[in-house]
Protein backbone atom coordinates (compact mmCIF):
# COMPACT_ATOMS: atom_id res chain seq x y z
CA UNK A 1 149.29 15.12 64.59
CA UNK A 2 149.21 12.61 67.43
CA UNK A 3 150.75 9.16 67.49
CA UNK A 4 147.27 7.64 67.46
CA UNK A 5 146.45 9.50 64.23
CA UNK A 6 149.54 8.16 62.45
CA UNK A 7 149.60 4.58 63.69
CA UNK A 8 147.77 1.55 62.48
CA UNK A 9 147.72 -2.14 63.26
CA UNK A 10 147.86 -2.84 59.51
CA UNK A 11 151.38 -3.46 58.16
CA UNK A 12 152.66 -1.03 55.53
CA UNK A 13 154.71 -2.09 52.53
CA UNK A 14 157.66 0.04 51.45
CA UNK A 15 159.37 -0.68 48.15
CA UNK A 16 163.17 -0.54 48.06
CA UNK A 17 164.22 3.09 48.66
CA UNK A 18 160.69 3.94 49.82
CA UNK A 19 160.15 6.51 52.59
CA UNK A 20 157.73 6.70 55.49
CA UNK A 21 157.61 9.79 57.72
CA UNK A 22 156.07 10.48 61.11
CA UNK A 23 155.87 14.02 62.51
CA UNK A 24 156.45 12.80 66.09
CA UNK A 25 158.21 9.53 66.95
CA UNK A 26 157.41 9.63 70.68
CA UNK A 27 155.04 6.96 71.88
CA UNK A 28 155.17 4.76 68.79
CA UNK A 29 156.83 1.45 68.04
CA UNK A 30 158.17 0.75 64.56
CA UNK A 31 158.49 -2.95 63.85
CA UNK A 32 160.23 -4.36 60.79
CA UNK A 33 158.19 -7.37 59.66
CA UNK A 34 160.37 -8.11 56.60
CA UNK A 35 163.23 -6.48 54.73
CA UNK A 36 165.53 -3.85 56.22
CA UNK A 37 164.79 -0.31 57.47
CA UNK A 38 167.05 2.66 58.13
CA UNK A 39 165.57 4.98 60.79
CA UNK A 40 166.72 8.50 61.53
CA UNK A 41 165.38 11.08 63.99
CA UNK A 42 165.53 14.78 63.16
CA UNK A 43 168.64 16.48 64.58
CA UNK A 44 170.04 13.24 66.06
CA UNK A 45 173.53 12.08 65.01
CA UNK A 46 172.56 8.42 65.46
CA UNK A 47 170.91 6.28 62.83
CA UNK A 48 169.33 2.89 63.41
CA UNK A 49 169.07 -0.06 61.03
CA UNK A 50 166.49 -2.68 61.91
CA UNK A 51 165.72 -5.93 60.16
CA UNK A 52 162.86 -8.43 60.22
CA UNK A 53 161.79 -9.14 63.80
CA UNK A 54 163.41 -6.01 65.28
CA UNK A 55 161.70 -2.94 66.74
CA UNK A 56 162.51 0.72 67.29
CA UNK A 57 161.02 2.94 70.02
CA UNK A 58 161.80 6.38 71.40
CA UNK A 59 160.28 8.98 73.71
CA UNK A 60 161.89 11.84 71.81
CA UNK A 61 159.39 14.26 70.27
CA UNK A 62 161.12 14.52 66.92
CA UNK A 63 160.15 13.80 63.33
CA UNK A 64 161.32 10.39 62.14
CA UNK A 65 162.13 9.16 58.64
CA UNK A 66 162.04 5.45 57.82
CA UNK A 67 163.86 4.43 54.63
CA UNK A 68 163.64 0.95 53.11
CA UNK A 69 167.14 -0.34 52.36
CA UNK A 70 165.35 -3.18 50.56
CA UNK A 71 161.64 -3.88 50.10
CA UNK A 72 160.12 -4.06 53.57
CA UNK A 73 156.96 -4.45 55.55
CA UNK A 74 156.68 -2.37 58.70
CA UNK A 75 154.10 -1.95 61.39
CA UNK A 76 153.73 1.29 63.32
CA UNK A 77 151.65 1.23 66.46
CA UNK A 78 151.21 3.10 69.69
CA UNK A 79 153.25 1.52 72.44
CA UNK A 80 152.18 1.16 76.03
CA UNK A 81 155.58 0.65 77.66
CA UNK A 82 157.22 3.01 80.12
CA UNK A 83 159.73 5.70 79.14
CA UNK A 84 162.70 4.80 76.96
CA UNK A 85 165.45 6.45 74.99
CA UNK A 86 165.83 5.80 71.29
CA UNK A 87 166.65 2.12 70.99
CA UNK A 88 166.17 -0.96 68.87
CA UNK A 89 165.13 -4.38 70.04
CA UNK A 90 166.93 -7.23 68.27
CA UNK A 91 165.15 -10.31 67.04
CA UNK A 92 165.80 -13.54 68.94
CA UNK A 93 168.83 -15.46 67.75
CA UNK A 94 172.60 -15.02 67.73
CA UNK A 95 173.86 -12.07 69.76
CA UNK A 96 174.24 -8.75 67.92
CA UNK A 97 175.85 -5.60 69.16
CA UNK A 98 174.94 -2.00 68.34
CA UNK A 99 177.64 0.56 67.66
CA UNK A 100 177.45 3.32 70.25
């Protein structure tokens, strides 16, 4: 399944503890519109937690699982940026640091 087949401009609602899976995370952007999301890539020791206004992108061709830590709205769409490693983009505001 391609990124285009699994992405949509329409936001998706996940209830608390809800799951959303993509077979291939490469080339998509996951944006948290509200709530809090825990994102994990298959066979990757890192996990990412994003909150409202933050985004996650990766070029790794791995399945991804998105878990709602609390009720959340997310938007998954194809991205048109250049290459990137798995990363999150913080929302504007006070500085935050990510544990390496």
